[in-house]
C-alpha atoms as a PDB file:
ATOM      1  CA  MET A   1     142.351 100.415 172.262  1.00  0.00           C
ATOM      2  CA  ILE A   2     144.549 102.637 174.426  1.00  0.00           C
ATOM      3  CA  PRO A   3     144.845 101.278 177.999  1.00  0.00           C
ATOM      4  CA  ILE A   4     143.700 103.797 180.596  1.00  0.00           C
ATOM      5  CA  ILE A   5     144.753 104.155 184.220  1.00  0.00           C
ATOM      6  CA  ASP A   6     142.219 106.269 186.063  1.00  0.00           C
ATOM      7  CA  GLY A   7     143.227 108.591 188.896  1.00  0.00           C
ATOM      8  CA  HIS A   8     140.110 108.325 191.050  1.00  0.00           C
ATOM      9  CA  ASN A   9     136.897 106.408 191.579  1.00  0.00           C
ATOM     10  CA  ASP A  10     134.529 106.045 194.553  1.00  0.00           C
ATOM     11  CA  THR A  11     133.328 102.565 193.612  1.00  0.00           C
ATOM     12  CA  LEU A  12     134.454 100.872 196.839  1.00  0.00           C
ATOM     13  CA  THR A  13     132.481 103.301 198.999  1.00  0.00           C
ATOM     14  CA  ARG A  14     129.403 102.855 196.801  1.00  0.00           C
ATOM     15  CA  ILE A  15     129.725  99.082 197.056  1.00  0.00           C
ATOM     16  CA  ARG A  16     130.123  99.105 200.854  1.00  0.00           C
ATOM     17  CA  HIS A  17     126.996 101.229 201.279  1.00  0.00           C
ATOM     18  CA  ALA A  18     125.011  99.108 198.816  1.00  0.00           C
ATOM     19  CA  GLY A  19     125.719  95.756 200.479  1.00  0.00           C
ATOM     20  CA  PRO A  20     127.130  92.302 199.667  1.00  0.00           C
ATOM     21  CA  ASN A  21     125.143  91.728 196.480  1.00  0.00           C
ATOM     22  CA  GLU A  22     126.803  94.702 194.801  1.00  0.00           C
ATOM     23  CA  ARG A  23     130.235  93.579 196.074  1.00  0.00           C
ATOM     24  CA  ARG A  24     129.734  90.325 194.198  1.00  0.00           C
ATOM     25  CA  ALA A  25     128.242  92.141 191.203  1.00  0.00           C
ATOM     26  CA  PHE A  26     131.468  94.049 190.464  1.00  0.00           C
ATOM     27  CA  LEU A  27     132.829  90.997 188.668  1.00  0.00           C
ATOM     28  CA  ASP A  28     129.724  90.815 186.439  1.00  0.00           C
ATOM     29  CA  ARG A  29     128.337  93.386 184.039  1.00  0.00           C
ATOM     30  CA  ALA A  30     125.844  95.561 185.905  1.00  0.00           C
ATOM     31  CA  GLU A  31     123.268  98.130 184.865  1.00  0.00           C
ATOM     32  CA  PHE A  32     124.020 100.475 187.772  1.00  0.00           C
ATOM     33  CA  GLY A  33     126.979 102.619 188.729  1.00  0.00           C
ATOM     34  CA  HIS A  34     129.823 103.712 186.495  1.00  0.00           C
ATOM     35  CA  LEU A  35     132.316 100.899 186.969  1.00  0.00           C
ATOM     36  CA  ASP A  36     132.587  97.132 187.042  1.00  0.00           C
ATOM     37  CA  LEU A  37     135.125  94.722 185.601  1.00  0.00           C
ATOM     38  CA  PRO A  38     133.331  93.763 182.340  1.00  0.00           C
ATOM     39  CA  ARG A  39     132.551  97.371 181.448  1.00  0.00           C
ATOM     40  CA  ALA A  40     136.139  98.333 182.280  1.00  0.00           C
ATOM     41  CA  ARG A  41     137.304  95.750 179.750  1.00  0.00           C
ATOM     42  CA  GLU A  42     134.908  97.144 177.144  1.00  0.00           C
ATOM     43  CA  GLY A  43     136.180 100.696 177.638  1.00  0.00           C
ATOM     44  CA  GLY A  44     139.899 100.001 177.798  1.00  0.00           C
ATOM     45  CA  LEU A  45     140.114 100.816 181.509  1.00  0.00           C
ATOM     46  CA  ALA A  46     143.199  98.919 182.655  1.00  0.00           C
ATOM     47  CA  GLY A  47     142.908  99.930 186.305  1.00  0.00           C
ATOM     48  CA  GLY A  48     143.096 102.880 188.612  1.00  0.00           C
ATOM     49  CA  PHE A  49     143.057 104.424 192.054  1.00  0.00           C
ATOM     50  CA  PHE A  50     140.254 102.955 194.175  1.00  0.00           C
ATOM     51  CA  ALA A  51     139.386 105.426 196.926  1.00  0.00           C
ATOM     52  CA  VAL A  52     138.205 104.633 200.433  1.00  0.00           C
ATOM     53  CA  PHE A  53     136.148 107.583 201.631  1.00  0.00           C
ATOM     54  CA  THR A  54     134.380 107.572 204.999  1.00  0.00           C
ATOM     55  CA  CYS A  55     130.956 109.078 204.460  1.00  0.00           C
ATOM     56  CA  THR A  56     127.746 108.758 206.443  1.00  0.00           C
ATOM     57  CA  ARG A  57     125.155 106.666 204.638  1.00  0.00           C
ATOM     58  CA  GLY A  58     122.504 108.668 202.885  1.00  0.00           C
ATOM     59  CA  TRP A  59     124.452 111.906 202.362  1.00  0.00           C
ATOM     60  CA  GLU A  60     123.199 113.663 199.254  1.00  0.00           C
ATOM     61  CA  LYS A  61     124.801 116.552 197.401  1.00  0.00           C
ATOM     62  CA  ARG A  62     122.001 119.077 197.930  1.00  0.00           C
ATOM     63  CA  LEU A  63     122.477 122.458 196.252  1.00  0.00           C
ATOM     64  CA  GLU A  64     121.802 125.547 198.349  1.00  0.00           C
ATOM     65  CA  PRO A  65     122.280 129.250 197.515  1.00  0.00           C
ATOM     66  CA  LEU A  66     125.823 130.572 197.946  1.00  0.00           C
ATOM     67  CA  LEU A  67     125.951 133.628 200.211  1.00  0.00           C
ATOM     68  CA  ASP A  68     128.650 136.297 200.262  1.00  0.00           C
ATOM     69  CA  ALA A  69     130.313 137.743 203.378  1.00  0.00           C
ATOM     70  CA  ASP A  70     127.323 140.079 203.872  1.00  0.00           C
ATOM     71  CA  GLY A  71     124.830 137.234 203.702  1.00  0.00           C
ATOM     72  CA  GLN A  72     123.638 138.164 200.220  1.00  0.00           C
ATOM     73  CA  ARG A  73     123.003 135.538 197.586  1.00  0.00           C
ATOM     74  CA  VAL A  74     125.727 135.256 194.923  1.00  0.00           C
ATOM     75  CA  PRO A  75     124.043 135.319 191.477  1.00  0.00           C
ATOM     76  CA  GLY A  76     124.366 131.891 189.859  1.00  0.00           C
ATOM     77  CA  GLY A  77     126.278 130.557 192.864  1.00  0.00           C
ATOM     78  CA  TRP A  78     125.627 127.407 194.848  1.00  0.00           C
ATOM     79  CA  SER A  79     126.897 125.535 197.883  1.00  0.00           C
ATOM     80  CA  VAL A  80     126.588 121.920 199.043  1.00  0.00           C
ATOM     81  CA  PRO A  81     126.339 121.273 202.805  1.00  0.00           C
ATOM     82  CA  LEU A  82     128.971 118.763 203.864  1.00  0.00           C
ATOM     83  CA  PRO A  83     128.251 115.622 205.897  1.00  0.00           C
ATOM     84  CA  LYS A  84     129.193 115.703 209.540  1.00  0.00           C
ATOM     85  CA  ARG A  85     132.728 114.890 210.649  1.00  0.00           C
ATOM     86  CA  VAL A  86     133.447 111.271 211.543  1.00  0.00           C
ATOM     87  CA  ASP A  87     135.488 110.233 214.574  1.00  0.00           C
ATOM     88  CA  ARG A  88     138.731 108.332 213.990  1.00  0.00           C
ATOM     89  CA  ARG A  89     137.559 105.019 215.438  1.00  0.00           C
ATOM     90  CA  THR A  90     134.482 104.937 213.207  1.00  0.00           C
ATOM     91  CA  SER A  91     136.528 105.916 210.172  1.00  0.00           C
ATOM     92  CA  TYR A  92     139.241 103.337 210.865  1.00  0.00           C
ATOM     93  CA  HIS A  93     136.637 100.576 211.206  1.00  0.00           C
ATOM     94  CA  PHE A  94     134.948 101.657 207.973  1.00  0.00           C
ATOM     95  CA  THR A  95     138.265 101.935 206.124  1.00  0.00           C
ATOM     96  CA  THR A  96     139.518  98.496 207.140  1.00  0.00           C
ATOM     97  CA  SER A  97     136.129  96.983 206.270  1.00  0.00           C
ATOM     98  CA  VAL A  98     136.282  98.469 202.774  1.00  0.00           C
ATOM     99  CA  ILE A  99     139.868  97.277 202.309  1.00  0.00           C
ATOM    100  CA  SER A 100     138.670  93.809 203.328  1.00  0.00           C
ATOM    101  CA  ASP A 101     135.934  94.061 200.679  1.00  0.00           C
ATOM    102  CA  LEU A 102     138.597  94.891 198.105  1.00  0.00           C
ATOM    103  CA  LEU A 103     140.945  92.075 199.073  1.00  0.00           C
ATOM    104  CA  ARG A 104     138.112  89.537 198.950  1.00  0.00           C
ATOM    105  CA  LEU A 105     136.992  90.891 195.600  1.00  0.00           C
ATOM    106  CA  ILE A 106     140.497  90.538 194.176  1.00  0.00           C
ATOM    107  CA  ASP A 107     140.696  86.985 195.511  1.00  0.00           C
ATOM    108  CA  ALA A 108     137.320  86.145 193.956  1.00  0.00           C
ATOM    109  CA  SER A 109     138.472  87.484 190.577  1.00  0.00           C
ATOM    110  CA  ASN A 110     140.761  84.444 190.123  1.00  0.00           C
ATOM    111  CA  GLY A 111     143.659  86.514 188.838  1.00  0.00           C
ATOM    112  CA  ALA A 112     141.674  88.996 186.761  1.00  0.00           C
ATOM    113  CA  MET A 113     142.455  91.767 189.283  1.00  0.00           C
ATOM    114  CA  THR A 114     145.591  92.584 191.255  1.00  0.00           C
ATOM    115  CA  LEU A 115     146.536  95.032 194.002  1.00  0.00           C
ATOM    116  CA  VAL A 116     149.655  96.845 192.805  1.00  0.00           C
ATOM    117  CA  ARG A 117     152.259  98.188 195.212  1.00  0.00           C
ATOM    118  CA  THR A 118     155.075  99.147 192.817  1.00  0.00           C
ATOM    119  CA  ALA A 119     155.381 100.842 189.438  1.00  0.00           C
ATOM    120  CA  THR A 120     156.823  97.638 188.003  1.00  0.00           C
ATOM    121  CA  GLU A 121     153.733  95.722 189.142  1.00  0.00           C
ATOM    122  CA  LEU A 122     151.529  98.398 187.594  1.00  0.00           C
ATOM    123  CA  GLN A 123     153.309  98.227 184.246  1.00  0.00           C
ATOM    124  CA  HIS A 124     153.183  94.426 184.301  1.00  0.00           C
ATOM    125  CA  ALA A 125     149.420  94.534 184.954  1.00  0.00           C
ATOM    126  CA  ILE A 126     148.911  96.880 182.003  1.00  0.00           C
ATOM    127  CA  ASP A 127     151.036  94.696 179.734  1.00  0.00           C
ATOM    128  CA  SER A 128     149.348  91.455 180.818  1.00  0.00           C
ATOM    129  CA  GLY A 129     145.760  92.727 180.783  1.00  0.00           C
ATOM    130  CA  THR A 130     145.288  92.203 184.522  1.00  0.00           C
ATOM    131  CA  PHE A 131     143.062  94.874 186.063  1.00  0.00           C
ATOM    132  CA  ALA A 132     145.304  96.997 188.306  1.00  0.00           C
ATOM    133  CA  VAL A 133     143.985  98.319 191.613  1.00  0.00           C
ATOM    134  CA  ILE A 134     145.830 101.096 193.472  1.00  0.00           C
ATOM    135  CA  LEU A 135     144.590 101.519 197.045  1.00  0.00           C
ATOM    136  CA  HIS A 136     143.876 105.161 197.924  1.00  0.00           C
ATOM    137  CA  ILE A 137     142.402 106.777 201.028  1.00  0.00           C
ATOM    138  CA  GLU A 138     140.495 110.018 200.475  1.00  0.00           C
ATOM    139  CA  GLY A 139     140.575 112.021 203.704  1.00  0.00           C
ATOM    140  CA  ALA A 140     142.827 110.746 206.492  1.00  0.00           C
ATOM    141  CA  GLU A 141     140.205 110.571 209.255  1.00  0.00           C
ATOM    142  CA  ALA A 142     141.102 106.908 209.818  1.00  0.00           C
ATOM    143  CA  ILE A 143     144.721 107.760 210.674  1.00  0.00           C
ATOM    144  CA  ASP A 144     145.809 108.720 214.182  1.00  0.00           C
ATOM    145  CA  THR A 145     148.043 111.731 214.691  1.00  0.00           C
ATOM    146  CA  ARG A 146     150.858 109.456 215.952  1.00  0.00           C
ATOM    147  CA  LEU A 147     150.667 107.916 212.427  1.00  0.00           C
ATOM    148  CA  GLU A 148     150.834 104.357 213.772  1.00  0.00           C
ATOM    149  CA  SER A 149     147.813 103.277 211.731  1.00  0.00           C
ATOM    150  CA  LEU A 150     149.456 104.714 208.609  1.00  0.00           C
ATOM    151  CA  ASP A 151     152.196 102.089 208.910  1.00  0.00           C
ATOM    152  CA  VAL A 152     149.575  99.334 209.208  1.00  0.00           C
ATOM    153  CA  LEU A 153     147.596 100.595 206.218  1.00  0.00           C
ATOM    154  CA  HIS A 154     150.771 100.868 204.160  1.00  0.00           C
ATOM    155  CA  ALA A 155     151.577  97.245 204.969  1.00  0.00           C
ATOM    156  CA  ALA A 156     148.054  96.339 203.765  1.00  0.00           C
ATOM    157  CA  GLY A 157     148.777  97.949 200.395  1.00  0.00           C
ATOM    158  CA  LEU A 158     148.001 101.665 200.783  1.00  0.00           C
ATOM    159  CA  ARG A 159     150.005 103.591 198.183  1.00  0.00           C
ATOM    160  CA  SER A 160     148.080 106.843 197.754  1.00  0.00           C
ATOM    161  CA  LEU A 161     146.572 109.243 200.292  1.00  0.00           C
ATOM    162  CA  GLY A 162     144.613 112.485 200.198  1.00  0.00           C
ATOM    163  CA  PRO A 163     145.208 114.131 203.595  1.00  0.00           C
ATOM    164  CA  VAL A 164     141.738 115.699 203.548  1.00  0.00           C
ATOM    165  CA  TRP A 165     138.417 115.421 201.838  1.00  0.00           C
ATOM    166  CA  SER A 166     136.352 118.616 201.696  1.00  0.00           C
ATOM    167  CA  ARG A 167     135.735 118.747 205.438  1.00  0.00           C
ATOM    168  CA  PRO A 168     138.488 119.634 207.941  1.00  0.00           C
ATOM    169  CA  ASN A 169     140.242 116.944 209.927  1.00  0.00           C
ATOM    170  CA  ALA A 170     143.242 116.596 212.250  1.00  0.00           C
ATOM    171  CA  PHE A 171     145.650 117.109 209.341  1.00  0.00           C
ATOM    172  CA  GLY A 172     144.285 120.047 207.385  1.00  0.00           C
ATOM    173  CA  HIS A 173     141.413 121.743 205.621  1.00  0.00           C
ATOM    174  CA  GLY A 174     139.650 120.890 202.401  1.00  0.00           C
ATOM    175  CA  VAL A 175     137.837 123.154 199.992  1.00  0.00           C
ATOM    176  CA  PRO A 176     134.027 123.388 200.219  1.00  0.00           C
ATOM    177  CA  PHE A 177     131.648 122.436 197.439  1.00  0.00           C
ATOM    178  CA  ASP A 178     130.903 126.059 196.544  1.00  0.00           C
ATOM    179  CA  PHE A 179     130.676 127.779 193.176  1.00  0.00           C
ATOM    180  CA  PRO A 180     132.152 130.178 192.243  1.00  0.00           C
ATOM    181  CA  ARG A 181     135.025 130.300 194.719  1.00  0.00           C
ATOM    182  CA  HIS A 182     138.810 130.471 194.909  1.00  0.00           C
ATOM    183  CA  PRO A 183     140.616 127.552 196.630  1.00  0.00           C
ATOM    184  CA  ASP A 184     142.181 129.913 199.186  1.00  0.00           C
ATOM    185  CA  THR A 185     139.537 129.119 201.802  1.00  0.00           C
ATOM    186  CA  GLY A 186     141.331 128.807 205.130  1.00  0.00           C
ATOM    187  CA  PRO A 187     144.419 127.691 207.044  1.00  0.00           C
ATOM    188  CA  GLY A 188     146.928 125.160 205.773  1.00  0.00           C
ATOM    189  CA  LEU A 189     148.184 121.888 207.193  1.00  0.00           C
ATOM    190  CA  THR A 190     148.216 121.363 210.934  1.00  0.00           C
ATOM    191  CA  SER A 191     151.393 120.235 212.695  1.00  0.00           C
ATOM    192  CA  ALA A 192     150.056 116.675 212.413  1.00  0.00           C
ATOM    193  CA  GLY A 193     149.464 117.251 208.718  1.00  0.00           C
ATOM    194  CA  ARG A 194     153.054 118.308 208.240  1.00  0.00           C
ATOM    195  CA  ARG A 195     154.220 115.141 210.010  1.00  0.00           C
ATOM    196  CA  LEU A 196     151.877 113.141 207.778  1.00  0.00           C
ATOM    197  CA  VAL A 197     153.489 114.556 204.629  1.00  0.00           C
ATOM    198  CA  ARG A 198     156.972 113.686 205.847  1.00  0.00           C
ATOM    199  CA  ARG A 199     155.966 110.154 206.852  1.00  0.00           C
ATOM    200  CA  CYS A 200     154.252 109.537 203.510  1.00  0.00           C
ATOM    201  CA  ASN A 201     157.497 110.579 201.821  1.00  0.00           C
ATOM    202  CA  GLU A 202     159.404 108.091 203.993  1.00  0.00           C
ATOM    203  CA  LEU A 203     156.963 105.276 203.194  1.00  0.00           C
ATOM    204  CA  ARG A 204     156.740 106.412 199.550  1.00  0.00           C
ATOM    205  CA  ILE A 205     152.985 106.856 199.687  1.00  0.00           C
ATOM    206  CA  MET A 206     151.770 109.216 196.966  1.00  0.00           C
ATOM    207  CA  LEU A 207     150.130 112.402 198.275  1.00  0.00           C
ATOM    208  CA  ASP A 208     146.990 113.657 196.533  1.00  0.00           C
ATOM    209  CA  VAL A 209     146.216 117.400 196.796  1.00  0.00           C
ATOM    210  CA  SER A 210     142.859 117.317 195.007  1.00  0.00           C
ATOM    211  CA  HIS A 211     140.698 118.314 197.991  1.00  0.00           C
ATOM    212  CA  LEU A 212     143.241 120.466 199.838  1.00  0.00           C
ATOM    213  CA  ASN A 213     142.710 124.180 200.063  1.00  0.00           C
ATOM    214  CA  ALA A 214     145.310 126.534 198.606  1.00  0.00           C
ATOM    215  CA  ARG A 215     147.362 126.953 201.771  1.00  0.00           C
ATOM    216  CA  GLY A 216     147.444 123.203 202.319  1.00  0.00           C
ATOM    217  CA  PHE A 217     148.522 122.735 198.710  1.00  0.00           C
ATOM    218  CA  TRP A 218     151.436 125.126 199.164  1.00  0.00           C
ATOM    219  CA  ASP A 219     152.391 123.411 202.425  1.00  0.00           C
ATOM    220  CA  VAL A 220     152.637 120.083 200.581  1.00  0.00           C
ATOM    221  CA  ALA A 221     154.622 121.748 197.791  1.00  0.00           C
ATOM    222  CA  GLU A 222     157.077 123.087 200.360  1.00  0.00           C
ATOM    223  CA  LEU A 223     157.398 119.941 202.477  1.00  0.00           C
ATOM    224  CA  SER A 224     157.177 117.013 200.070  1.00  0.00           C
ATOM    225  CA  ASP A 225     160.110 115.624 198.124  1.00  0.00           C
ATOM    226  CA  ALA A 226     157.784 113.748 195.723  1.00  0.00           C
ATOM    227  CA  PRO A 227     155.901 114.976 192.633  1.00  0.00           C
ATOM    228  CA  ILE A 228     152.744 116.979 193.390  1.00  0.00           C
ATOM    229  CA  VAL A 229     149.686 115.073 192.218  1.00  0.00           C
ATOM    230  CA  ALA A 230     146.036 116.100 191.927  1.00  0.00           C
ATOM    231  CA  THR A 231     144.286 112.866 191.045  1.00  0.00           C
ATOM    232  CA  HIS A 232     140.926 114.390 190.055  1.00  0.00           C
ATOM    233  CA  SER A 233     140.930 118.153 189.478  1.00  0.00           C
ATOM    234  CA  ASN A 234     140.586 120.561 186.560  1.00  0.00           C
ATOM    235  CA  ALA A 235     141.573 124.123 185.604  1.00  0.00           C
ATOM    236  CA  HIS A 236     140.176 126.922 187.768  1.00  0.00           C
ATOM    237  CA  ALA A 237     140.626 129.329 184.843  1.00  0.00           C
ATOM    238  CA  LEU A 238     137.865 127.471 182.957  1.00  0.00           C
ATOM    239  CA  SER A 239     135.585 126.580 185.866  1.00  0.00           C
ATOM    240  CA  ALA A 240     135.838 128.603 189.091  1.00  0.00           C
ATOM    241  CA  SER A 241     135.308 125.711 191.482  1.00  0.00           C
ATOM    242  CA  PRO A 242     137.645 125.647 194.500  1.00  0.00           C
ATOM    243  CA  ARG A 243     138.199 121.971 193.642  1.00  0.00           C
ATOM    244  CA  ASN A 244     140.063 123.091 190.527  1.00  0.00           C
ATOM    245  CA  LEU A 245     143.670 124.285 190.335  1.00  0.00           C
ATOM    246  CA  THR A 246     144.735 127.856 189.684  1.00  0.00           C
ATOM    247  CA  ASP A 247     147.424 128.624 187.121  1.00  0.00           C
ATOM    248  CA  ASP A 248     150.005 129.053 189.901  1.00  0.00           C
ATOM    249  CA  GLN A 249     149.101 125.640 191.294  1.00  0.00           C
ATOM    250  CA  LEU A 250     149.311 124.056 187.843  1.00  0.00           C
ATOM    251  CA  ASP A 251     152.769 125.580 187.411  1.00  0.00           C
ATOM    252  CA  ALA A 252     153.847 124.089 190.763  1.00  0.00           C
ATOM    253  CA  VAL A 253     152.605 120.642 189.739  1.00  0.00           C
ATOM    254  CA  ALA A 254     154.703 120.819 186.586  1.00  0.00           C
ATOM    255  CA  ALA A 255     157.781 122.137 188.405  1.00  0.00           C
ATOM    256  CA  SER A 256     157.632 119.116 190.731  1.00  0.00           C
ATOM    257  CA  GLY A 257     157.217 116.640 187.871  1.00  0.00           C
ATOM    258  CA  GLY A 258     153.676 115.808 188.949  1.00  0.00           C
ATOM    259  CA  VAL A 259     150.371 115.277 187.140  1.00  0.00           C
ATOM    260  CA  VAL A 260     146.768 116.461 187.137  1.00  0.00           C
ATOM    261  CA  GLY A 261     144.079 113.843 186.520  1.00  0.00           C
ATOM    262  CA  LEU A 262     141.145 115.356 184.598  1.00  0.00           C
ATOM    263  CA  ASN A 263     137.911 115.141 186.595  1.00  0.00           C
ATOM    264  CA  TYR A 264     134.734 114.335 184.631  1.00  0.00           C
ATOM    265  CA  ALA A 265     132.318 115.898 187.193  1.00  0.00           C
ATOM    266  CA  VAL A 266     130.185 118.424 185.324  1.00  0.00           C
ATOM    267  CA  GLY A 267     130.298 120.956 188.175  1.00  0.00           C
ATOM    268  CA  PHE A 268     134.079 121.151 187.810  1.00  0.00           C
ATOM    269  CA  LEU A 269     133.937 121.422 184.007  1.00  0.00           C
ATOM    270  CA  ARG A 270     131.473 124.169 183.225  1.00  0.00           C
ATOM    271  CA  ALA A 271     132.102 127.926 183.274  1.00  0.00           C
ATOM    272  CA  ASP A 272     128.714 128.350 184.991  1.00  0.00           C
ATOM    273  CA  GLY A 273     129.232 125.444 187.407  1.00  0.00           C
ATOM    274  CA  LYS A 274     125.780 123.995 186.684  1.00  0.00           C
ATOM    275  CA  PRO A 275     125.173 120.309 187.507  1.00  0.00           C
ATOM    276  CA  ASP A 276     124.020 119.593 183.952  1.00  0.00           C
ATOM    277  CA  ALA A 277     124.437 116.040 182.674  1.00  0.00           C
ATOM    278  CA  GLY A 278     124.041 117.422 179.159  1.00  0.00           C
ATOM    279  CA  THR A 279     127.566 118.856 179.416  1.00  0.00           C
ATOM    280  CA  PRO A 280     129.485 117.527 176.375  1.00  0.00           C
ATOM    281  CA  LEU A 281     132.667 115.485 176.634  1.00  0.00           C
ATOM    282  CA  THR A 282     134.408 118.279 174.755  1.00  0.00           C
ATOM    283  CA  ARG A 283     134.444 120.209 178.042  1.00  0.00           C
ATOM    284  CA  ILE A 284     136.785 117.568 179.516  1.00  0.00           C
ATOM    285  CA  ALA A 285     138.952 117.918 176.431  1.00  0.00           C
ATOM    286  CA  ASP A 286     138.927 121.720 176.832  1.00  0.00           C
ATOM    287  CA  HIS A 287     140.375 121.389 180.338  1.00  0.00           C
ATOM    288  CA  GLY A 288     142.910 118.887 179.044  1.00  0.00           C
ATOM    289  CA  ARG A 289     143.952 121.247 176.267  1.00  0.00           C
ATOM    290  CA  TYR A 290     144.256 124.184 178.681  1.00  0.00           C
ATOM    291  CA  ILE A 291     146.377 122.244 181.185  1.00  0.00           C
ATOM    292  CA  ALA A 292     148.611 120.712 178.501  1.00  0.00           C
ATOM    293  CA  ASP A 293     149.145 124.083 176.839  1.00  0.00           C
ATOM    294  CA  ARG A 294     149.952 125.649 180.206  1.00  0.00           C
ATOM    295  CA  ILE A 295     152.293 123.028 181.728  1.00  0.00           C
ATOM    296  CA  GLY A 296     152.882 120.344 179.092  1.00  0.00           C
ATOM    297  CA  VAL A 297     151.231 117.067 178.187  1.00  0.00           C
ATOM    298  CA  ASP A 298     153.605 115.115 180.448  1.00  0.00           C
ATOM    299  CA  HIS A 299     151.708 116.550 183.403  1.00  0.00           C
ATOM    300  CA  LEU A 300     148.224 115.558 182.242  1.00  0.00           C
ATOM    301  CA  ALA A 301     146.356 112.345 183.103  1.00  0.00           C
ATOM    302  CA  LEU A 302     142.800 111.139 183.713  1.00  0.00           C
ATOM    303  CA  GLY A 303     140.927 111.066 187.037  1.00  0.00           C
ATOM    304  CA  SER A 304     137.270 110.359 186.368  1.00  0.00           C
ATOM    305  CA  ASP A 305     135.516 110.501 189.778  1.00  0.00           C
ATOM    306  CA  PHE A 306     133.446 107.510 188.621  1.00  0.00           C
ATOM    307  CA  ASP A 307     130.723 106.558 191.122  1.00  0.00           C
ATOM    308  CA  GLY A 308     131.284 109.774 193.031  1.00  0.00           C
ATOM    309  CA  ALA A 309     129.969 112.546 190.796  1.00  0.00           C
ATOM    310  CA  LEU A 310     127.490 113.571 188.119  1.00  0.00           C
ATOM    311  CA  ILE A 311     129.341 113.145 184.832  1.00  0.00           C
ATOM    312  CA  PRO A 312     128.341 113.901 181.218  1.00  0.00           C
ATOM    313  CA  ALA A 313     125.463 111.720 180.039  1.00  0.00           C
ATOM    314  CA  GLN A 314     127.499 110.650 177.004  1.00  0.00           C
ATOM    315  CA  MET A 315     129.805 108.920 179.490  1.00  0.00           C
ATOM    316  CA  THR A 316     127.137 106.589 180.850  1.00  0.00           C
ATOM    317  CA  ASP A 317     129.853 104.414 182.395  1.00  0.00           C
ATOM    318  CA  CYS A 318     133.478 103.397 181.926  1.00  0.00           C
ATOM    319  CA  SER A 319     132.666 101.389 178.791  1.00  0.00           C
ATOM    320  CA  LYS A 320     132.302 104.745 176.982  1.00  0.00           C
ATOM    321  CA  LEU A 321     135.885 105.863 177.635  1.00  0.00           C
ATOM    322  CA  PRO A 322     136.795 105.561 173.922  1.00  0.00           C
ATOM    323  CA  LEU A 323     134.423 108.509 173.324  1.00  0.00           C
ATOM    324  CA  LEU A 324     136.576 110.616 175.640  1.00  0.00           C
ATOM    325  CA  VAL A 325     139.723 109.490 173.861  1.00  0.00           C
ATOM    326  CA  ASP A 326     138.099 110.584 170.608  1.00  0.00           C
ATOM    327  CA  ALA A 327     137.274 113.996 172.125  1.00  0.00           C
ATOM    328  CA  LEU A 328     140.884 114.431 173.246  1.00  0.00           C
ATOM    329  CA  ARG A 329     142.086 113.393 169.787  1.00  0.00           C
ATOM    330  CA  ALA A 330     139.768 115.986 168.240  1.00  0.00           C
ATOM    331  CA  ALA A 331     141.294 118.583 170.585  1.00  0.00           C
ATOM    332  CA  GLY A 332     144.632 118.041 168.857  1.00  0.00           C
ATOM    333  CA  PHE A 333     146.385 115.443 170.990  1.00  0.00           C
ATOM    334  CA  THR A 334     148.543 113.024 168.999  1.00  0.00           C
ATOM    335  CA  GLU A 335     148.477 109.250 169.436  1.00  0.00           C
ATOM    336  CA  ASP A 336     151.720 109.356 171.421  1.00  0.00           C
ATOM    337  CA  GLU A 337     150.304 112.092 173.650  1.00  0.00           C
ATOM    338  CA  LEU A 338     147.090 110.126 174.172  1.00  0.00           C
ATOM    339  CA  HIS A 339     149.090 107.145 175.443  1.00  0.00           C
ATOM    340  CA  ARG A 340     150.927 109.428 177.852  1.00  0.00           C
ATOM    341  CA  ILE A 341     147.682 110.950 179.127  1.00  0.00           C
ATOM    342  CA  ALA A 342     145.961 107.570 179.366  1.00  0.00           C
ATOM    343  CA  HIS A 343     148.579 105.690 181.398  1.00  0.00           C
ATOM    344  CA  LYS A 344     152.239 106.500 180.786  1.00  0.00           C
ATOM    345  CA  ASN A 345     152.252 109.677 182.873  1.00  0.00           C
ATOM    346  CA  TRP A 346     150.755 107.782 185.807  1.00  0.00           C
ATOM    347  CA  VAL A 347     153.380 105.053 185.551  1.00  0.00           C
ATOM    348  CA  ARG A 348     156.178 107.633 185.414  1.00  0.00           C
ATOM    349  CA  VAL A 349     154.959 109.630 188.411  1.00  0.00           C
ATOM    350  CA  LEU A 350     154.340 106.514 190.477  1.00  0.00           C
ATOM    351  CA  ARG A 351     157.795 105.201 189.641  1.00  0.00           C
ATOM    352  CA  GLU A 352     159.295 108.497 190.804  1.00  0.00           C
ATOM    353  CA  THR A 353     157.181 108.387 193.978  1.00  0.00           C
ATOM    354  CA  TRP A 354     157.144 104.688 194.866  1.00  0.00           C
ATOM    355  CA  GLY A 355     160.381 103.553 193.278  1.00  0.00           C
ATOM    356  CA  GLU A 356     160.559 100.519 191.051  1.00  0.00           C
END
């Protein structure tokens, strides 16, 4: 079974909202959610980026009609109202609480899980069969504009950061959950956002552009000296969601030596954008084939969005990952290429970003 490193999951946020019983349940096989340790073992999931995302409890992705600039409904279009913005103090408290959940969970695993801080540690975890956890923050609401809390979070193990989620914050602007739409939806990084990019480079924290709008993306491309990474995005040419990357953006990722982690969310896979769980796994493979043909297989990885999105019903949970590997194989990827997509490209990019 090919070991897989996954670019994004929202499992920690789901667990925090669900309560202590689900925190304990992660180490046992569950019948809810997409991800726990036993099902990861069954599916060949060797680890991944565990996101901390501050979200108000009870937010639901409710589809509403998409309106054009004249207030007219866009045929076949939809929009999802975003949850309200969260103040920094609330977000920082939530973020540190979730990190505490993670550290206690790792301790309770008795060595079955490990928090990795270097590429060497990640490779060792893959080789030894220890489940590798990479700490990621999705949306930097918890970080002050003086960036003092960033230093503290880095010391606690933070190694990956998305400056924004889909709502604006002190650092920049994210793309809305609209369909169809281009990612050029507003202004780029703020002055604080530009300082954040530079400080992440200094600390060797990986920057994730998945939720940034187009101008923010190009700001990161200009400012950062690290590979450009979109942990969970697809090809805009195949599905016109603003969460997906245009051809020009894909080219920039490749030019930087970065990677794109394929997102399994059906709304980012389909040409019609419909939230249809009957979407086949071949649609993920189609996006993988398009991106690899455009910029090369060395810039393609996986980024599921487990526990944060509606995914194809065939992929009931992470134990079904071999079905996705089969779909990628059927799309023409060789065994060597599958290993690169599954984990080797992540290890390479993280080594270039973090160092050894």
